[in-house]
Amino acid sequence: MNKYDQKQSASIDIGEITYKKMRDFIYKENLCHRDLVYLHPATFDHLIIESKKIFGDIYLPFQISGVEILEDETVRAGKLKTGIDKSVIYRF
């Protein structure tokens, strides 16, 4: 079992998710290229739009600091639009 097992589904409310906050979260939680972060569709869209404003073109799969950020198409992230639910971070 890893530290992001589904049993630990506590969320981290970091307010509105921005590129900087997501990058800081990735570093703080020691996420790496083997990890995936699923975000609520509205949150994911906001992050993509902000990233386009910062960097111009973006490429898929969308990554921040080597960690793939995905839209949760099944909405496993529920209604959490202003935080990151640890149950939707997967370590391999």
Protein backbone atom coordinates (compact mmCIF):
# COMPACT_ATOMS: atom_id res chain seq x y z
CA MET A 1 0.00 0.00 0.00
CA ASN A 2 1.15 3.52 -0.65
CA LYS A 3 0.46 6.75 1.14
CA TYR A 4 -2.33 7.62 -1.33
CA ASP A 5 -4.36 4.48 -0.78
CA GLN A 6 -8.08 4.98 -1.38
CA LYS A 7 -8.68 4.62 2.37
CA GLN A 8 -6.99 7.99 2.92
CA SER A 9 -9.44 10.15 1.04
CA ALA A 10 -8.93 13.37 2.97
CA SER A 11 -8.81 16.41 0.74
CA ILE A 12 -6.36 19.24 0.82
CA ASP A 13 -8.06 22.58 0.37
CA ILE A 14 -5.56 24.89 -1.26
CA GLY A 15 -8.19 27.33 -2.47
CA GLU A 16 -8.54 27.96 -6.18
CA ILE A 17 -6.07 25.70 -7.92
CA THR A 18 -3.54 27.69 -9.89
CA TYR A 19 -0.47 26.57 -11.77
CA LYS A 20 1.79 27.82 -8.97
CA LYS A 21 -0.26 26.15 -6.22
CA MET A 22 -0.31 22.85 -8.14
CA ARG A 23 3.45 23.03 -8.72
CA ASP A 24 4.04 23.77 -5.02
CA PHE A 25 1.72 20.90 -4.02
CA ILE A 26 3.65 18.50 -6.28
CA TYR A 27 6.95 19.46 -4.63
CA LYS A 28 5.52 19.39 -1.11
CA GLU A 29 4.02 15.93 -1.58
CA ASN A 30 7.14 14.61 -3.35
CA LEU A 31 5.18 13.52 -6.40
CA CYS A 32 7.18 12.33 -9.40
CA HIS A 33 6.76 11.20 -13.01
CA ARG A 34 5.18 7.91 -11.84
CA ASP A 35 2.27 9.77 -10.20
CA LEU A 36 -1.03 10.90 -11.70
CA VAL A 37 -3.29 13.65 -10.39
CA TYR A 38 -6.96 13.70 -11.39
CA LEU A 39 -8.83 16.98 -11.07
CA HIS A 40 -12.48 17.94 -11.26
CA PRO A 41 -13.29 18.90 -14.90
CA ALA A 42 -13.92 22.57 -14.03
CA THR A 43 -10.67 22.76 -12.09
CA PHE A 44 -8.75 21.02 -14.86
CA ASP A 45 -10.15 23.43 -17.47
CA HIS A 46 -9.20 26.43 -15.33
CA LEU A 47 -5.65 25.07 -14.93
CA ILE A 48 -5.29 24.49 -18.68
CA ILE A 49 -6.53 28.01 -19.50
CA GLU A 50 -4.16 29.57 -16.97
CA SER A 51 -1.24 27.49 -18.28
CA LYS A 52 -1.97 28.60 -21.85
CA LYS A 53 -1.85 32.22 -20.69
CA ILE A 54 1.50 31.64 -18.99
CA PHE A 55 3.24 29.45 -21.57
CA GLY A 56 1.33 29.92 -24.81
CA ASP A 57 1.10 26.45 -26.28
CA ILE A 58 0.69 23.45 -24.02
CA TYR A 59 1.14 19.82 -24.89
CA LEU A 60 -0.76 16.71 -23.98
CA PRO A 61 -0.43 14.83 -21.81
CA PHE A 62 -0.49 17.90 -19.57
CA GLN A 63 2.25 17.82 -16.97
CA ILE A 64 3.53 20.02 -14.20
CA SER A 65 7.04 19.23 -13.01
CA GLY A 66 6.83 15.85 -14.74
CA VAL A 67 3.59 14.83 -13.01
CA GLU A 68 0.69 14.11 -15.35
CA ILE A 69 -2.44 16.12 -14.57
CA LEU A 70 -5.64 14.58 -15.90
CA GLU A 71 -9.29 15.56 -16.11
CA ASP A 72 -11.39 13.25 -14.01
CA GLU A 73 -13.97 12.29 -16.62
CA THR A 74 -15.83 10.04 -14.19
CA VAL A 75 -15.84 12.86 -11.63
CA ARG A 76 -14.23 10.69 -8.96
CA ALA A 77 -13.05 14.01 -7.58
CA GLY A 78 -16.69 14.80 -6.78
CA LYS A 79 -17.57 18.44 -6.34
CA LEU A 80 -14.14 19.37 -5.07
CA LYS A 81 -13.29 22.38 -7.21
CA THR A 82 -11.05 24.23 -4.80
CA GLY A 83 -8.74 21.53 -3.56
CA ILE A 84 -7.06 18.25 -4.26
CA ASP A 85 -8.59 15.03 -3.02
CA LYS A 86 -5.77 12.66 -2.11
CA SER A 87 -7.96 9.74 -3.16
CA VAL A 88 -7.48 10.82 -6.78
CA ILE A 89 -3.68 10.89 -6.68
CA TYR A 90 -2.20 7.62 -7.79
CA ARG A 91 1.35 6.42 -7.19
CA PHE A 92 2.90 3.63 -9.20
